[in-house]
């Protein structure tokens, strides 16, 4: 058994959840925040049998497309002596980051 941890853009999560649940995968949804853009994203925890792992990954790929977005540069973490002027930058958003972890034991009560 595997645990799939998928971090996806908030805009992609609803169709992804519908696709996963329609194929009878059990999913836990966590609201999370990205570090660079400090934007909302969603982390999904999906327990899956080894033989269905590729199917889950394919579903995530089909529902989470990356795209370009214009945003302002994030403010620096450390304080500055001068004035910070944000400037527009083009960044890639969407897509998914997927981690697959072996599960030693699975207990459902």
Foldseek 3Di string as FASTA:
>chain_A
DKKKKKKWAPVQPPVLVVVCVVVPWDKDKDWDADDFVRHIIIIIITDDDPVCVVVSVVSLQVRWDKDKDKDWGDDDPDDDPDDDDTDIDIDIHTRMDMDMGDDPDDDDD
